[in-house]
């Protein structure tokens, strides 16, 4: 079964490794000309995200994750307002990307190859690439993110909807913080609630195998911005380019950086204010929702953010993409026909997407719009339900990797 994957980020790579192990002949097409290291920031780990690594025992999850002991709410004075034990583990986008890429055949991961269009018929899918190239596959998996080209082609009326706020994000190295500041943040996921706003922080691992004591702190501060001129101006870089959904590190205009640091000084507990002030290159994410009515279209499917873009409050976007990919591989193994496989796969993923999207919307509305979230409420992290992100079992240590092309089933030919 020939599979083309459109998009080489975390969702696309999950689809690639699981479908390869199901016996498919998989090629990944990523439009970026350079590897995607450095994009994104902190991620809350979930069993769905770790499933490939733990089942194949190709990675020691401890090396790419940072555990916390507590979920903590701070008061304005910096004192602990509420604290409970917690078992979450956090990682970085780059750590997951590198680990998945090492698990796939690099010769089948094509950088600088953008899929421009496609047409399916009874026997397969014709896919048009840049440079007048054309390929044919049995299944096209579209994992091309929030601003999905595939979704624009398949569902032109389904567009991202602005939630009314943005997420300021950043990572600060441990050595940039006062020791007591770092010590107060390194053992917990820390929340602070403001009127119609909130900020959270947690440790993430170092990619360069530095000691545990050197773990950086990742943070996200959600702030409301009116749609229209205010949002347009915020998302315009020094060269006058208006970014659609994210502003990369180093591209924010100085006036907004100054405003951010002044607001942190005036509004946040001192440890969080120092964390924001010491972050050299914060970046920005516009919070949007995407909800599709369909995910399967004959021999073509949408997965991950291309189908459902979730607000980050449930910390489930990466987990949802990984779950879409794994369930797709299970359907391919179960059914003898590509179209039947997608028809069997779609209902469950639509239900899951709608449920977690509704939960993330509710959390965002209460935290940012209504102001009804209270100190001490359980954190909204979870894919299938709140709390399932903490159910990670690391009791069995991974065995050494034996190669990048292990298969878990006999190769099959599907039409």
Protein backbone atom coordinates (compact mmCIF):
# COMPACT_ATOMS: atom_id res chain seq x y z
CA UNK A 1 0.00 0.00 0.00
CA UNK A 2 1.59 3.24 -1.16
CA UNK A 3 1.06 6.08 1.29
CA UNK A 4 1.96 9.74 0.85
CA UNK A 5 1.99 11.86 4.01
CA UNK A 6 1.48 15.59 3.51
CA UNK A 7 3.40 17.37 6.26
CA UNK A 8 6.45 16.24 8.21
CA UNK A 9 5.77 17.58 11.69
CA UNK A 10 4.73 15.45 14.69
CA UNK A 11 1.38 14.32 13.26
CA UNK A 12 2.88 13.41 9.90
CA UNK A 13 5.79 11.53 11.46
CA UNK A 14 3.45 9.58 13.74
CA UNK A 15 1.40 8.56 10.72
CA UNK A 16 4.57 7.60 8.87
CA UNK A 17 6.02 5.28 11.51
CA UNK A 18 2.73 3.57 12.37
CA UNK A 19 1.69 3.03 8.74
CA UNK A 20 5.17 1.79 7.84
CA UNK A 21 4.95 -0.73 10.67
CA UNK A 22 1.53 -1.79 9.36
CA UNK A 23 3.26 -2.84 6.14
CA UNK A 24 2.79 0.27 4.02
CA UNK A 25 5.26 1.89 1.64
CA UNK A 26 5.36 5.41 3.12
CA UNK A 27 6.86 8.68 1.83
CA UNK A 28 6.65 11.97 3.76
CA UNK A 29 6.56 15.33 1.97
CA UNK A 30 7.44 18.41 4.03
CA UNK A 31 7.33 21.82 2.37
CA UNK A 32 10.03 23.35 4.59
CA UNK A 33 13.46 23.16 3.02
CA UNK A 34 15.20 22.68 6.36
CA UNK A 35 14.57 20.32 9.29
CA UNK A 36 11.95 21.55 11.72
CA UNK A 37 14.11 21.58 14.86
CA UNK A 38 13.46 24.53 17.12
CA UNK A 39 9.80 25.01 16.24
CA UNK A 40 7.29 24.89 19.06
CA UNK A 41 8.12 24.75 22.73
CA UNK A 42 6.90 22.71 25.71
CA UNK A 43 4.52 19.76 25.43
CA UNK A 44 2.64 17.82 28.11
CA UNK A 45 3.32 14.14 27.52
CA UNK A 46 0.41 11.73 27.10
CA UNK A 47 0.36 7.94 26.70
CA UNK A 48 -0.73 8.40 23.07
CA UNK A 49 2.36 10.51 22.38
CA UNK A 50 4.66 7.90 23.93
CA UNK A 51 2.94 4.80 22.50
CA UNK A 52 5.39 4.30 19.63
CA UNK A 53 8.48 4.73 21.78
CA UNK A 54 7.29 2.52 24.63
CA UNK A 55 5.99 -0.28 22.39
CA UNK A 56 9.17 -0.42 20.31
CA UNK A 57 11.47 0.36 23.25
CA UNK A 58 13.58 2.63 21.05
CA UNK A 59 13.84 5.54 23.44
CA UNK A 60 14.31 6.17 27.13
CA UNK A 61 11.43 8.53 27.80
CA UNK A 62 13.18 9.75 30.94
CA UNK A 63 15.89 11.33 28.79
CA UNK A 64 13.45 13.50 26.83
CA UNK A 65 11.07 14.47 29.61
CA UNK A 66 10.99 16.41 32.86
CA UNK A 67 8.68 15.25 35.66
CA UNK A 68 6.91 17.47 38.16
CA UNK A 69 5.77 16.64 41.67
CA UNK A 70 3.02 19.21 42.11
CA UNK A 71 0.28 21.16 40.41
CA UNK A 72 0.50 24.58 42.04
CA UNK A 73 -1.48 27.82 42.01
CA UNK A 74 0.28 30.98 43.12
CA UNK A 75 -1.17 34.02 44.86
CA UNK A 76 -0.24 37.53 43.68
CA UNK A 77 2.27 37.84 46.53
CA UNK A 78 4.08 34.77 45.23
CA UNK A 79 2.91 32.47 48.02
CA UNK A 80 1.36 29.08 47.29
CA UNK A 81 -2.43 29.44 47.11
CA UNK A 82 -3.10 25.76 46.39
CA UNK A 83 -0.96 22.71 45.75
CA UNK A 84 -1.61 19.02 45.10
CA UNK A 85 0.68 16.15 44.09
CA UNK A 86 0.92 15.64 40.31
CA UNK A 87 2.52 13.08 37.98
CA UNK A 88 2.76 14.98 34.71
CA UNK A 89 5.84 14.76 32.51
CA UNK A 90 6.82 17.52 30.10
CA UNK A 91 8.97 17.50 27.01
CA UNK A 92 9.86 19.82 24.15
CA UNK A 93 8.59 19.79 20.60
CA UNK A 94 12.15 19.43 19.32
CA UNK A 95 12.84 16.35 21.46
CA UNK A 96 9.79 14.53 20.08
CA UNK A 97 10.50 15.58 16.51
CA UNK A 98 14.09 14.37 16.62
CA UNK A 99 13.10 11.06 18.21
CA UNK A 100 10.40 10.36 15.61
CA UNK A 101 12.67 11.38 12.75
CA UNK A 102 15.34 8.95 13.96
CA UNK A 103 12.68 6.21 13.90
CA UNK A 104 11.87 6.82 10.23
CA UNK A 105 13.90 6.34 7.05
CA UNK A 106 15.43 9.74 6.26
CA UNK A 107 15.55 8.91 2.55
CA UNK A 108 11.76 8.77 2.61
CA UNK A 109 11.42 12.11 4.40
CA UNK A 110 11.48 14.73 1.65
CA UNK A 111 12.27 18.32 2.62
CA UNK A 112 11.35 21.14 0.27
CA UNK A 113 8.61 19.08 -1.43
CA UNK A 114 5.29 20.88 -1.12
CA UNK A 115 2.07 19.14 -2.12
CA UNK A 116 0.09 21.63 -4.19
CA UNK A 117 -2.98 19.59 -5.07
CA UNK A 118 -4.46 16.15 -5.51
CA UNK A 119 -7.28 14.24 -7.18
CA UNK A 120 -8.48 10.78 -6.24
CA UNK A 121 -10.19 8.16 -8.38
CA UNK A 122 -11.29 4.57 -7.99
CA UNK A 123 -7.74 3.26 -8.09
CA UNK A 124 -5.66 5.81 -6.20
CA UNK A 125 -4.70 9.43 -5.66
CA UNK A 126 -2.73 11.63 -8.06
CA UNK A 127 -0.66 14.11 -6.06
CA UNK A 128 0.91 17.25 -7.56
CA UNK A 129 4.17 18.51 -6.09
CA UNK A 130 6.16 21.67 -6.78
CA UNK A 131 8.40 21.63 -9.81
CA UNK A 132 5.72 19.94 -11.95
CA UNK A 133 6.26 16.62 -10.20
CA UNK A 134 3.43 14.12 -9.87
CA UNK A 135 3.19 10.97 -7.77
CA UNK A 136 0.48 8.38 -7.31
CA UNK A 137 -0.47 6.68 -4.06
CA UNK A 138 -3.19 4.48 -2.60
CA UNK A 139 -3.70 6.70 0.46
CA UNK A 140 -2.97 10.38 1.06
CA UNK A 141 -2.66 11.38 4.72
CA UNK A 142 -2.92 15.14 5.16
CA UNK A 143 -1.11 16.28 8.31
CA UNK A 144 -0.29 19.81 7.20
CA UNK A 145 -1.29 21.73 10.30
CA UNK A 146 -3.49 24.61 11.35
CA UNK A 147 -3.40 26.42 8.00
CA UNK A 148 -3.86 23.16 6.11
CA UNK A 149 -3.77 23.44 2.32
CA UNK A 150 -5.50 20.07 2.11
CA UNK A 151 -8.39 21.26 4.29
CA UNK A 152 -8.75 24.38 2.15
CA UNK A 153 -9.12 22.12 -0.90
CA UNK A 154 -11.42 19.54 0.67
CA UNK A 155 -13.48 21.81 2.97
CA UNK A 156 -13.09 25.38 1.70
CA UNK A 157 -15.76 26.77 4.06
CA UNK A 158 -14.01 25.39 7.18
CA UNK A 159 -11.56 28.02 8.40
CA UNK A 160 -9.77 28.77 11.69
CA UNK A 161 -11.91 30.79 14.12
CA UNK A 162 -10.16 33.26 16.43
CA UNK A 163 -10.77 32.59 20.12
CA UNK A 164 -10.26 36.21 21.25
CA UNK A 165 -6.81 35.83 22.80
CA UNK A 166 -3.19 35.01 22.06
CA UNK A 167 -0.55 32.95 23.85
CA UNK A 168 2.78 34.58 24.60
CA UNK A 169 5.31 31.77 24.92
CA UNK A 170 8.92 31.40 25.87
CA UNK A 171 11.64 29.31 27.45
CA UNK A 172 14.23 30.60 29.89
CA UNK A 173 17.39 28.75 30.82
CA UNK A 174 17.96 27.87 34.47
CA UNK A 175 21.18 29.88 34.64
CA UNK A 176 19.31 33.02 33.55
CA UNK A 177 17.14 32.94 36.68
CA UNK A 178 17.95 33.62 40.30
CA UNK A 179 18.45 30.30 42.03
CA UNK A 180 15.44 30.74 44.33
CA UNK A 181 13.26 31.62 41.33
CA UNK A 182 14.29 28.52 39.42
CA UNK A 183 13.92 26.37 42.54
CA UNK A 184 10.35 27.60 43.05
CA UNK A 185 9.35 26.63 39.50
CA UNK A 186 11.32 23.47 38.65
CA UNK A 187 9.24 20.93 40.60
CA UNK A 188 5.71 21.91 39.54
CA UNK A 189 3.36 22.98 36.83
CA UNK A 190 2.59 26.45 38.16
CA UNK A 191 -0.56 28.47 37.42
CA UNK A 192 -1.42 32.05 38.21
CA UNK A 193 -4.91 33.44 37.49
CA UNK A 194 -5.53 37.06 36.53
CA UNK A 195 -8.80 38.73 35.55
CA UNK A 196 -9.56 37.31 32.08
CA UNK A 197 -6.04 35.94 31.75
CA UNK A 198 -3.72 33.27 33.11
CA UNK A 199 -0.13 32.13 32.91
CA UNK A 200 1.45 28.72 33.49
CA UNK A 201 5.01 27.46 33.69
CA UNK A 202 6.74 24.08 33.87
CA UNK A 203 10.19 22.55 33.37
CA UNK A 204 11.23 20.93 30.10
CA UNK A 205 14.29 18.79 29.38
CA UNK A 206 17.53 19.95 27.85
CA UNK A 207 18.19 18.40 24.45
CA UNK A 208 21.96 18.35 25.00
CA UNK A 209 21.90 15.90 27.95
CA UNK A 210 22.65 18.55 30.55
CA UNK A 211 22.07 17.52 34.18
CA UNK A 212 18.59 17.56 35.63
CA UNK A 213 19.40 20.67 37.66
CA UNK A 214 19.83 22.70 34.47
CA UNK A 215 16.34 22.14 33.07
CA UNK A 216 14.85 25.27 31.48
CA UNK A 217 11.42 26.64 32.36
CA UNK A 218 8.78 26.89 29.66
CA UNK A 219 5.89 29.33 30.04
CA UNK A 220 2.64 30.36 28.33
CA UNK A 221 0.78 33.58 29.09
CA UNK A 222 -2.70 33.95 27.58
CA UNK A 223 -3.78 37.55 26.98
CA UNK A 224 -6.92 38.86 25.30
CA UNK A 225 -6.50 40.90 22.10
CA UNK A 226 -9.38 42.38 20.11
CA UNK A 227 -9.72 41.03 16.60
CA UNK A 228 -9.08 43.64 13.90
CA UNK A 229 -6.47 46.42 13.97
CA UNK A 230 -5.12 45.48 17.42
CA UNK A 231 -4.46 41.86 16.48
CA UNK A 232 -3.19 42.79 13.01
CA UNK A 233 -0.68 45.23 14.45
CA UNK A 234 0.53 42.75 17.07
CA UNK A 235 1.11 40.08 14.41
CA UNK A 236 3.01 42.39 12.03
CA UNK A 237 6.78 41.97 12.17
CA UNK A 238 9.41 44.74 11.78
CA UNK A 239 9.44 44.17 8.00
CA UNK A 240 5.70 44.81 7.73
CA UNK A 241 4.68 41.17 7.15
CA UNK A 242 1.45 40.11 8.89
CA UNK A 243 1.85 36.58 10.28
CA UNK A 244 -1.28 34.43 10.29
CA UNK A 245 -1.18 32.28 13.43
CA UNK A 246 2.31 32.45 14.96
CA UNK A 247 5.10 34.98 15.34
CA UNK A 248 8.51 33.25 15.48
CA UNK A 249 11.16 34.09 18.08
CA UNK A 250 13.02 37.26 17.19
CA UNK A 251 10.24 38.67 15.00
CA UNK A 252 8.22 40.58 17.60
CA UNK A 253 8.52 44.35 17.49
CA UNK A 254 10.35 46.01 20.37
CA UNK A 255 7.33 48.00 21.52
CA UNK A 256 5.38 44.80 22.19
CA UNK A 257 8.30 43.17 23.97
CA UNK A 258 8.56 46.18 26.26
CA UNK A 259 4.81 46.10 26.91
CA UNK A 260 5.00 42.39 27.76
CA UNK A 261 7.80 42.84 30.28
CA UNK A 262 6.16 45.87 31.87
CA UNK A 263 2.88 43.97 32.22
CA UNK A 264 4.74 41.05 33.78
CA UNK A 265 6.38 43.38 36.32
CA UNK A 266 3.06 45.02 37.21
CA UNK A 267 0.75 41.99 37.21
CA UNK A 268 2.61 38.77 37.98
CA UNK A 269 4.18 37.25 41.10
CA UNK A 270 7.87 38.11 41.22
CA UNK A 271 9.13 34.67 40.17
CA UNK A 272 6.91 34.63 37.08
CA UNK A 273 7.72 38.25 36.28
CA UNK A 274 11.44 37.45 36.40
CA UNK A 275 10.87 34.40 34.19
CA UNK A 276 9.17 36.50 31.51
CA UNK A 277 11.69 39.35 31.76
CA UNK A 278 14.68 37.00 31.40
CA UNK A 279 13.30 35.28 28.30
CA UNK A 280 15.39 36.67 25.46
CA UNK A 281 13.21 35.64 22.51
CA UNK A 282 9.54 35.07 23.37
CA UNK A 283 7.18 34.18 20.56
CA UNK A 284 3.46 34.45 19.94
CA UNK A 285 0.63 32.11 18.99
CA UNK A 286 -2.85 33.23 17.95
CA UNK A 287 -5.39 30.90 19.58
CA UNK A 288 -7.87 29.53 17.06
CA UNK A 289 -10.34 26.66 16.77
CA UNK A 290 -10.84 24.41 13.77
CA UNK A 291 -13.60 21.80 13.65
CA UNK A 292 -14.21 19.70 10.55
CA UNK A 293 -17.43 17.85 9.67
CA UNK A 294 -15.44 15.10 7.93
CA UNK A 295 -11.96 13.59 8.11
CA UNK A 296 -12.20 10.93 5.36
CA UNK A 297 -12.66 11.67 1.66
CA UNK A 298 -12.40 8.47 -0.35
CA UNK A 299 -8.68 7.67 -0.26
CA UNK A 300 -7.71 10.95 1.45
CA UNK A 301 -7.86 11.84 5.14
CA UNK A 302 -7.13 14.76 7.46
CA UNK A 303 -5.39 14.18 10.79
CA UNK A 304 -4.10 16.27 13.69
CA UNK A 305 -4.39 20.06 13.48
CA UNK A 306 -5.48 19.81 9.85
CA UNK A 307 -8.75 18.31 11.14
CA UNK A 308 -9.23 19.63 14.68
CA UNK A 309 -7.13 22.51 15.95
CA UNK A 310 -7.45 22.54 19.73
CA UNK A 311 -6.87 25.39 22.13
CA UNK A 312 -3.81 24.43 24.20
CA UNK A 313 -5.64 24.35 27.57
CA UNK A 314 -6.27 20.59 27.39
CA UNK A 315 -2.62 20.03 26.38
CA UNK A 316 -3.88 17.44 23.90
CA UNK A 317 -3.03 18.67 20.41
CA UNK A 318 0.04 16.47 19.98
CA UNK A 319 -1.73 13.55 21.65
CA UNK A 320 -4.73 13.92 19.32
CA UNK A 321 -2.48 13.84 16.25
CA UNK A 322 -0.67 10.76 17.56
CA UNK A 323 -3.97 9.03 18.34
CA UNK A 324 -5.35 9.83 14.88
CA UNK A 325 -2.23 8.26 13.33
CA UNK A 326 -2.26 5.13 15.47
CA UNK A 327 -5.97 4.50 14.97
CA UNK A 328 -5.50 4.97 11.23
CA UNK A 329 -2.82 2.28 11.17
CA UNK A 330 -5.11 -0.08 13.11
CA UNK A 331 -7.86 0.49 10.55
CA UNK A 332 -5.47 -0.21 7.67
CA UNK A 333 -4.51 -3.51 9.31
CA UNK A 334 -8.14 -4.46 9.94
CA UNK A 335 -9.71 -3.68 6.57
CA UNK A 336 -8.84 -5.05 3.11
CA UNK A 337 -9.73 -1.83 1.29
CA UNK A 338 -8.41 1.72 1.70
CA UNK A 339 -11.81 3.39 1.47
CA UNK A 340 -13.32 0.91 3.94
CA UNK A 341 -10.39 1.52 6.30
CA UNK A 342 -10.99 5.27 6.29
CA UNK A 343 -14.73 4.82 6.70
CA UNK A 344 -14.14 2.59 9.71
CA UNK A 345 -11.57 4.97 11.20
CA UNK A 346 -13.40 8.27 10.78
CA UNK A 347 -16.34 8.06 13.25
CA UNK A 348 -14.21 7.45 16.32
CA UNK A 349 -11.75 10.22 15.49
CA UNK A 350 -14.55 12.70 14.77
CA UNK A 351 -16.10 11.90 18.15
CA UNK A 352 -12.78 12.26 19.97
CA UNK A 353 -11.96 15.50 18.17
CA UNK A 354 -15.32 17.06 19.01
CA UNK A 355 -15.14 16.04 22.65
CA UNK A 356 -11.66 17.36 23.38
CA UNK A 357 -12.33 20.51 21.33
CA UNK A 358 -15.44 21.23 23.41
CA UNK A 359 -13.49 20.72 26.63
CA UNK A 360 -10.65 23.01 25.52
CA UNK A 361 -13.16 25.67 24.45
CA UNK A 362 -14.90 25.51 27.80
CA UNK A 363 -11.61 25.91 29.68
CA UNK A 364 -10.62 28.86 27.50
CA UNK A 365 -13.98 30.55 27.91
CA UNK A 366 -13.90 30.22 31.69
CA UNK A 367 -10.25 31.26 32.02
CA UNK A 368 -10.14 34.12 29.50
CA UNK A 369 -13.68 35.41 28.97
CA UNK A 370 -15.91 34.63 31.95
CA UNK A 371 -13.25 34.62 34.65
CA UNK A 372 -15.00 31.75 36.45
CA UNK A 373 -12.01 29.43 36.82
CA UNK A 374 -11.09 29.12 40.48
CA UNK A 375 -7.83 28.53 42.30
CA UNK A 376 -7.51 24.83 43.06
CA UNK A 377 -9.57 23.46 40.16
CA UNK A 378 -8.02 20.36 38.55
CA UNK A 379 -5.86 21.18 35.55
CA UNK A 380 -7.72 20.55 32.27
CA UNK A 381 -4.94 18.38 30.77
CA UNK A 382 -6.19 15.26 29.03
CA UNK A 383 -7.18 13.71 25.69
CA UNK A 384 -10.06 11.33 26.38
CA UNK A 385 -10.75 12.78 29.82
CA UNK A 386 -9.22 15.21 32.29
CA UNK A 387 -6.27 13.59 34.04
CA UNK A 388 -5.36 10.88 31.54
CA UNK A 389 -2.17 12.75 30.64
CA UNK A 390 -0.74 11.71 34.01
CA UNK A 391 -1.18 7.99 33.37
CA UNK A 392 2.32 7.33 32.03
CA UNK A 393 4.00 4.07 33.09
CA UNK A 394 7.79 4.15 32.96
CA UNK A 395 8.37 1.02 35.03
CA UNK A 396 9.75 -0.99 32.10
CA UNK A 397 13.03 0.48 30.86
CA UNK A 398 13.45 0.58 27.07
CA UNK A 399 15.70 -1.88 25.30
CA UNK A 400 18.38 -0.60 22.92
CA UNK A 401 17.16 0.34 19.46
CA UNK A 402 17.73 -2.37 16.83
CA UNK A 403 17.00 -0.31 13.74
CA UNK A 404 14.69 2.27 12.28
CA UNK A 405 12.48 0.02 10.15
CA UNK A 406 11.07 -2.54 12.56
CA UNK A 407 7.64 -3.84 11.59
CA UNK A 408 4.93 -4.99 13.95
CA UNK A 409 2.90 -6.83 11.32
CA UNK A 410 3.38 -8.68 8.06
CA UNK A 411 3.45 -6.33 5.03
CA UNK A 412 0.16 -6.34 3.17
CA UNK A 413 -0.96 -5.12 -0.22
CA UNK A 414 -4.15 -3.10 -0.04
CA UNK A 415 -6.06 -1.68 -2.97
